[in-house]
């Protein structure tokens, strides 16, 4: 099981924005998404796959840089949370 490393992605976004002296609004317009989507990355929320690829392209980075394998403990916790969620529905 793998997950997106939102922290690393967001950090790289901020570093590049500072380097080019642009705002997050600029980035949102550049990749044709909302400013809220950029905010979601920083908060660890799920984003659309196409947006993820657009961000990687803008950063000039391989998507694999931001995909990390879950440890057995993290995987077990995620599985438990999903099971709990299904049982409460």
N, C-alpha and C. Protein backbone atom coordinates (compact mmCIF):
# COMPACT_ATOMS: atom_id res chain seq x y z
N UNK A 1 0.85 -1.18 0.00
CA UNK A 1 0.00 0.00 0.00
C UNK A 1 0.89 1.24 0.00
N UNK A 2 0.49 2.22 -0.76
CA UNK A 2 1.25 3.46 -0.88
C UNK A 2 0.37 4.66 -0.57
N UNK A 3 1.02 5.79 -0.30
CA UNK A 3 0.28 7.02 -0.04
C UNK A 3 1.06 8.20 -0.62
N UNK A 4 0.37 9.29 -0.77
CA UNK A 4 0.98 10.52 -1.25
C UNK A 4 1.61 11.26 -0.07
N UNK A 5 2.85 11.67 -0.23
CA UNK A 5 3.54 12.44 0.79
C UNK A 5 3.22 13.93 0.57
N UNK A 6 2.08 14.33 1.11
CA UNK A 6 1.60 15.70 0.93
C UNK A 6 2.57 16.73 1.50
N UNK A 7 3.20 16.38 2.63
CA UNK A 7 4.12 17.33 3.26
C UNK A 7 5.28 17.67 2.33
N UNK A 8 5.87 16.65 1.75
CA UNK A 8 7.01 16.86 0.84
C UNK A 8 6.55 17.64 -0.40
N UNK A 9 5.39 17.27 -0.94
CA UNK A 9 4.86 17.95 -2.12
C UNK A 9 4.62 19.42 -1.82
N UNK A 10 3.97 19.72 -0.71
CA UNK A 10 3.65 21.09 -0.36
C UNK A 10 4.92 21.89 -0.09
N UNK A 11 5.88 21.28 0.58
CA UNK A 11 7.15 21.97 0.86
C UNK A 11 7.84 22.34 -0.45
N UNK A 12 7.88 21.41 -1.39
CA UNK A 12 8.50 21.69 -2.68
C UNK A 12 7.75 22.77 -3.46
N UNK A 13 6.43 22.77 -3.34
CA UNK A 13 5.63 23.83 -3.99
C UNK A 13 6.01 25.19 -3.42
N UNK A 14 6.05 25.28 -2.09
CA UNK A 14 6.38 26.57 -1.46
C UNK A 14 7.79 27.02 -1.80
N UNK A 15 8.74 26.08 -1.83
CA UNK A 15 10.12 26.44 -2.17
C UNK A 15 10.18 27.01 -3.58
N UNK A 16 9.52 26.35 -4.53
CA UNK A 16 9.57 26.83 -5.91
C UNK A 16 8.83 28.16 -6.05
N UNK A 17 7.70 28.30 -5.37
CA UNK A 17 6.98 29.58 -5.43
C UNK A 17 7.84 30.72 -4.88
N UNK A 18 8.54 30.47 -3.80
CA UNK A 18 9.43 31.49 -3.24
C UNK A 18 10.58 31.79 -4.19
N UNK A 19 11.08 30.76 -4.83
CA UNK A 19 12.20 30.92 -5.77
C UNK A 19 11.82 31.80 -6.96
N UNK A 20 10.59 31.60 -7.47
CA UNK A 20 10.14 32.39 -8.62
C UNK A 20 9.36 33.64 -8.18
N UNK A 21 9.26 33.84 -6.87
CA UNK A 21 8.59 34.99 -6.28
C UNK A 21 7.14 35.14 -6.79
N UNK A 22 6.40 34.05 -6.67
CA UNK A 22 4.99 34.04 -7.09
C UNK A 22 4.12 33.55 -5.93
N UNK A 23 2.82 33.78 -6.05
CA UNK A 23 1.88 33.38 -5.01
C UNK A 23 1.23 32.04 -5.34
N UNK A 24 0.51 31.50 -4.38
CA UNK A 24 -0.23 30.27 -4.61
C UNK A 24 -1.37 30.51 -5.60
N UNK A 25 -1.89 31.71 -5.64
CA UNK A 25 -2.90 32.05 -6.63
C UNK A 25 -2.33 31.94 -8.04
N UNK A 26 -1.08 32.37 -8.21
CA UNK A 26 -0.40 32.24 -9.50
C UNK A 26 -0.33 30.77 -9.92
N UNK A 27 0.08 29.91 -8.98
CA UNK A 27 0.19 28.48 -9.28
C UNK A 27 -1.16 27.89 -9.65
N UNK A 28 -2.19 28.25 -8.89
CA UNK A 28 -3.53 27.72 -9.17
C UNK A 28 -3.97 28.09 -10.59
N UNK A 29 -3.72 29.33 -10.99
CA UNK A 29 -4.07 29.77 -12.34
C UNK A 29 -3.20 29.06 -13.39
N UNK A 30 -1.94 28.89 -13.08
CA UNK A 30 -0.98 28.28 -14.01
C UNK A 30 -1.36 26.84 -14.35
N UNK A 31 -1.80 26.06 -13.35
CA UNK A 31 -2.15 24.66 -13.60
C UNK A 31 -3.66 24.44 -13.74
N UNK A 32 -4.40 25.55 -13.81
CA UNK A 32 -5.84 25.50 -14.01
C UNK A 32 -6.57 24.71 -12.92
N UNK A 33 -6.37 25.14 -11.69
CA UNK A 33 -7.07 24.55 -10.55
C UNK A 33 -7.45 25.68 -9.60
N UNK A 34 -8.06 25.34 -8.49
CA UNK A 34 -8.46 26.37 -7.53
C UNK A 34 -7.38 26.57 -6.48
N UNK A 35 -7.40 27.72 -5.86
CA UNK A 35 -6.48 28.01 -4.76
C UNK A 35 -6.75 27.05 -3.61
N UNK A 36 -7.99 26.66 -3.46
CA UNK A 36 -8.37 25.72 -2.40
C UNK A 36 -7.67 24.37 -2.58
N UNK A 37 -7.47 23.94 -3.81
CA UNK A 37 -6.79 22.68 -4.06
C UNK A 37 -5.35 22.74 -3.56
N UNK A 38 -4.69 23.86 -3.77
CA UNK A 38 -3.33 24.03 -3.28
C UNK A 38 -3.34 23.99 -1.75
N UNK A 39 -4.34 24.61 -1.16
CA UNK A 39 -4.50 24.59 0.30
C UNK A 39 -4.69 23.16 0.79
N UNK A 40 -5.47 22.36 0.05
CA UNK A 40 -5.72 20.97 0.43
C UNK A 40 -4.44 20.16 0.49
N UNK A 41 -3.53 20.41 -0.43
CA UNK A 41 -2.25 19.71 -0.42
C UNK A 41 -1.53 19.98 0.89
N UNK A 42 -1.52 21.23 1.31
CA UNK A 42 -0.85 21.61 2.55
C UNK A 42 -1.49 21.02 3.79
N UNK A 43 -2.77 20.77 3.72
CA UNK A 43 -3.49 20.20 4.87
C UNK A 43 -3.56 18.67 4.84
N UNK A 44 -3.05 18.05 3.77
CA UNK A 44 -3.02 16.60 3.71
C UNK A 44 -4.28 15.97 3.15
N UNK A 45 -5.15 16.75 2.55
CA UNK A 45 -6.37 16.21 1.97
C UNK A 45 -6.09 15.51 0.63
N UNK A 46 -7.02 14.72 0.21
CA UNK A 46 -6.91 14.01 -1.07
C UNK A 46 -7.13 15.02 -2.19
N UNK A 47 -6.31 14.92 -3.24
CA UNK A 47 -6.48 15.76 -4.42
C UNK A 47 -6.66 14.86 -5.63
N UNK A 48 -7.18 15.42 -6.70
CA UNK A 48 -7.40 14.66 -7.93
C UNK A 48 -6.05 14.24 -8.52
N UNK A 49 -6.05 13.09 -9.13
CA UNK A 49 -4.83 12.54 -9.72
C UNK A 49 -4.27 13.46 -10.81
N UNK A 50 -5.16 14.00 -11.65
CA UNK A 50 -4.67 14.89 -12.71
C UNK A 50 -4.01 16.15 -12.14
N UNK A 51 -4.53 16.64 -11.03
CA UNK A 51 -3.93 17.80 -10.37
C UNK A 51 -2.56 17.44 -9.81
N UNK A 52 -2.45 16.26 -9.24
CA UNK A 52 -1.16 15.79 -8.74
C UNK A 52 -0.12 15.77 -9.87
N UNK A 53 -0.51 15.23 -11.02
CA UNK A 53 0.41 15.17 -12.14
C UNK A 53 0.77 16.57 -12.67
N UNK A 54 -0.20 17.47 -12.66
CA UNK A 54 0.08 18.85 -13.07
C UNK A 54 1.08 19.51 -12.12
N UNK A 55 0.91 19.26 -10.83
CA UNK A 55 1.84 19.81 -9.85
C UNK A 55 3.25 19.24 -10.05
N UNK A 56 3.34 17.94 -10.28
CA UNK A 56 4.64 17.31 -10.52
C UNK A 56 5.29 17.90 -11.78
N UNK A 57 4.49 18.10 -12.81
CA UNK A 57 5.02 18.69 -14.05
C UNK A 57 5.53 20.10 -13.80
N UNK A 58 4.75 20.90 -13.08
CA UNK A 58 5.15 22.27 -12.77
C UNK A 58 6.43 22.29 -11.93
N UNK A 59 6.53 21.34 -11.01
CA UNK A 59 7.74 21.25 -10.18
C UNK A 59 8.92 20.64 -10.94
N UNK A 60 8.63 20.05 -12.09
CA UNK A 60 9.64 19.34 -12.88
C UNK A 60 10.24 18.19 -12.07
N UNK A 61 9.36 17.42 -11.43
CA UNK A 61 9.74 16.28 -10.60
C UNK A 61 8.96 15.05 -11.03
N UNK A 62 9.55 13.90 -10.80
CA UNK A 62 8.87 12.63 -11.06
C UNK A 62 7.80 12.40 -9.99
N UNK A 63 6.62 11.92 -10.36
CA UNK A 63 5.58 11.65 -9.36
C UNK A 63 6.04 10.66 -8.27
N UNK A 64 6.93 9.75 -8.63
CA UNK A 64 7.39 8.76 -7.66
C UNK A 64 8.10 9.39 -6.46
N UNK A 65 8.58 10.61 -6.61
CA UNK A 65 9.23 11.31 -5.50
C UNK A 65 8.27 11.53 -4.34
N UNK A 66 6.99 11.63 -4.64
CA UNK A 66 5.99 11.97 -3.63
C UNK A 66 5.11 10.79 -3.22
N UNK A 67 5.42 9.61 -3.71
CA UNK A 67 4.65 8.42 -3.35
C UNK A 67 5.51 7.56 -2.44
N UNK A 68 5.00 7.29 -1.25
CA UNK A 68 5.75 6.52 -0.27
C UNK A 68 4.98 5.27 0.13
N UNK A 69 5.73 4.26 0.47
CA UNK A 69 5.13 3.00 0.88
C UNK A 69 4.77 3.08 2.36
N UNK A 70 3.57 2.64 2.69
CA UNK A 70 3.14 2.61 4.08
C UNK A 70 3.87 1.51 4.82
N UNK A 71 4.19 1.76 6.08
CA UNK A 71 4.76 0.70 6.91
C UNK A 71 3.63 -0.27 7.26
N UNK A 72 3.99 -1.42 7.75
CA UNK A 72 2.97 -2.41 8.14
C UNK A 72 2.04 -1.84 9.20
N UNK A 73 2.60 -1.07 10.12
CA UNK A 73 1.80 -0.48 11.19
C UNK A 73 0.81 0.55 10.61
N UNK A 74 1.29 1.41 9.70
CA UNK A 74 0.42 2.41 9.07
C UNK A 74 -0.67 1.74 8.25
N UNK A 75 -0.30 0.68 7.53
CA UNK A 75 -1.27 -0.04 6.71
C UNK A 75 -2.35 -0.67 7.59
N UNK A 76 -1.94 -1.29 8.69
CA UNK A 76 -2.89 -1.93 9.60
C UNK A 76 -3.84 -0.90 10.19
N UNK A 77 -3.32 0.26 10.56
CA UNK A 77 -4.15 1.33 11.12
C UNK A 77 -5.15 1.84 10.08
N UNK A 78 -4.68 2.04 8.86
CA UNK A 78 -5.57 2.51 7.79
C UNK A 78 -6.67 1.49 7.53
N UNK A 79 -6.29 0.23 7.49
CA UNK A 79 -7.26 -0.85 7.26
C UNK A 79 -8.30 -0.89 8.39
N UNK A 80 -7.82 -0.73 9.64
CA UNK A 80 -8.73 -0.73 10.79
C UNK A 80 -9.70 0.44 10.70
N UNK A 81 -9.20 1.62 10.35
CA UNK A 81 -10.07 2.80 10.23
C UNK A 81 -11.11 2.62 9.14
N UNK A 82 -10.72 2.03 8.02
CA UNK A 82 -11.68 1.78 6.93
C UNK A 82 -12.73 0.76 7.37
N UNK A 83 -12.34 -0.25 8.12
CA UNK A 83 -13.29 -1.26 8.59
C UNK A 83 -14.26 -0.62 9.57
N UNK A 84 -13.74 0.21 10.48
CA UNK A 84 -14.59 0.91 11.44
C UNK A 84 -15.61 1.81 10.73
N UNK A 85 -15.15 2.49 9.69
CA UNK A 85 -16.02 3.40 8.95
C UNK A 85 -17.14 2.63 8.27
N UNK A 86 -16.83 1.47 7.68
CA UNK A 86 -17.83 0.67 7.00
C UNK A 86 -18.85 0.10 7.98
N UNK A 87 -18.41 -0.28 9.16
CA UNK A 87 -19.32 -0.86 10.14
C UNK A 87 -20.26 0.18 10.73
N UNK A 88 -19.85 1.44 10.77
CA UNK A 88 -20.70 2.48 11.35
C UNK A 88 -21.74 2.98 10.34
N UNK A 89 -21.59 2.62 9.08
CA UNK A 89 -22.53 3.08 8.05
C UNK A 89 -23.81 2.30 8.06
